[in-house]
Amino acid sequence: MKEDLEAGMNKIIEDEGLTVTSDRGNVSEHPAVKIARDAQTLALKVMAEFGLTAKARCKLPKLNASDADDSPLETFIKSKKKQ
């Protein structure tokens, strides 16, 4: 959903440009620029929260998996590899 918002804003920026001119002739940043920037910032925060960035992955705790904790699928795959 956030990707859609960012992509939509990027399309608007591509079509209309990075700036807008007011009725009085003042040039300012297009409102879609801030919306796209905020969407990208939010997406990066979510990715970091779920460990989807390289830096966030380094901070995840290491799991000590043993054979007893293997799922039935993992047990099946390991048994087929040994054959």
Protein backbone atom coordinates (compact mmCIF):
# COMPACT_ATOMS: atom_id res chain seq x y z
CA MET A 1 0.00 0.00 0.00
CA LYS A 2 2.80 2.42 0.89
CA GLU A 3 4.61 1.39 -2.29
CA ASP A 4 1.47 2.31 -4.26
CA LEU A 5 1.34 5.71 -2.58
CA GLU A 6 5.01 6.38 -3.26
CA ALA A 7 4.71 5.17 -6.86
CA GLY A 8 1.63 7.32 -7.40
CA MET A 9 3.37 10.40 -6.05
CA ASN A 10 6.43 9.69 -8.18
CA LYS A 11 4.20 9.51 -11.27
CA ILE A 12 2.61 12.86 -10.38
CA ILE A 13 6.05 14.40 -9.83
CA GLU A 14 7.23 12.99 -13.16
CA ASP A 15 4.20 14.48 -14.93
CA GLU A 16 3.98 17.83 -13.13
CA GLY A 17 7.55 18.49 -11.99
CA LEU A 18 9.25 19.01 -8.62
CA THR A 19 7.92 22.52 -8.08
CA VAL A 20 4.64 24.38 -8.32
CA THR A 21 3.99 28.08 -8.85
CA SER A 22 1.37 29.81 -6.71
CA ASP A 23 -1.13 32.42 -7.87
CA ARG A 24 1.31 35.11 -6.74
CA GLY A 25 4.22 33.63 -8.68
CA ASN A 26 6.01 32.01 -5.75
CA VAL A 27 7.79 28.76 -6.61
CA SER A 28 7.70 26.03 -3.98
CA GLU A 29 8.15 22.28 -3.64
CA HIS A 30 5.34 20.19 -5.13
CA PRO A 31 3.21 18.69 -2.31
CA ALA A 32 3.66 15.23 -3.88
CA VAL A 33 7.40 15.44 -3.12
CA LYS A 34 6.74 15.53 0.63
CA ILE A 35 4.14 12.77 0.39
CA ALA A 36 6.56 10.51 -1.54
CA ARG A 37 9.39 11.28 0.91
CA ASP A 38 7.17 10.52 3.91
CA ALA A 39 5.97 7.26 2.33
CA GLN A 40 9.55 6.17 1.69
CA THR A 41 10.60 7.06 5.25
CA LEU A 42 7.67 5.12 6.68
CA ALA A 43 8.42 2.10 4.48
CA LEU A 44 12.05 2.08 5.65
CA LYS A 45 10.94 2.25 9.30
CA VAL A 46 8.61 -0.70 8.80
CA MET A 47 11.35 -2.66 7.02
CA ALA A 48 13.77 -1.99 9.88
CA GLU A 49 11.15 -2.99 12.46
CA PHE A 50 10.67 -6.37 10.80
CA GLY A 51 14.38 -7.00 10.20
CA LEU A 52 14.17 -6.51 6.45
CA THR A 53 17.22 -4.25 6.13
CA ALA A 54 20.84 -5.36 6.35
CA LYS A 55 21.47 -3.27 9.45
CA ALA A 56 18.31 -4.53 11.18
CA ARG A 57 19.18 -8.15 10.32
CA CYS A 58 22.49 -7.80 12.15
CA LYS A 59 20.63 -6.84 15.32
CA LEU A 60 18.35 -9.88 15.29
CA PRO A 61 19.12 -12.46 17.97
CA LYS A 62 20.83 -15.65 16.84
CA LEU A 63 18.66 -18.71 17.16
CA ASN A 64 20.20 -21.96 18.33
CA ALA A 65 18.29 -24.49 16.31
CA SER A 66 18.71 -28.12 17.19
CA ASP A 67 17.49 -31.21 15.38
CA ALA A 68 14.78 -31.63 18.03
CA ASP A 69 13.32 -28.25 17.04
CA ASP A 70 13.11 -29.12 13.35
CA SER A 71 9.73 -29.03 11.69
CA PRO A 72 8.49 -32.21 10.00
CA LEU A 73 9.42 -30.68 6.64
CA GLU A 74 12.98 -29.94 7.77
CA THR A 75 13.33 -33.45 9.15
CA PHE A 76 12.13 -34.92 5.85
CA ILE A 77 14.52 -32.77 3.81
CA LYS A 78 17.49 -33.64 6.04
CA SER A 79 16.69 -37.35 5.76
CA LYS A 80 16.58 -37.12 1.96
CA LYS A 81 19.94 -35.29 1.86
CA LYS A 82 21.58 -38.10 3.84
CA GLN A 83 20.45 -40.75 1.33
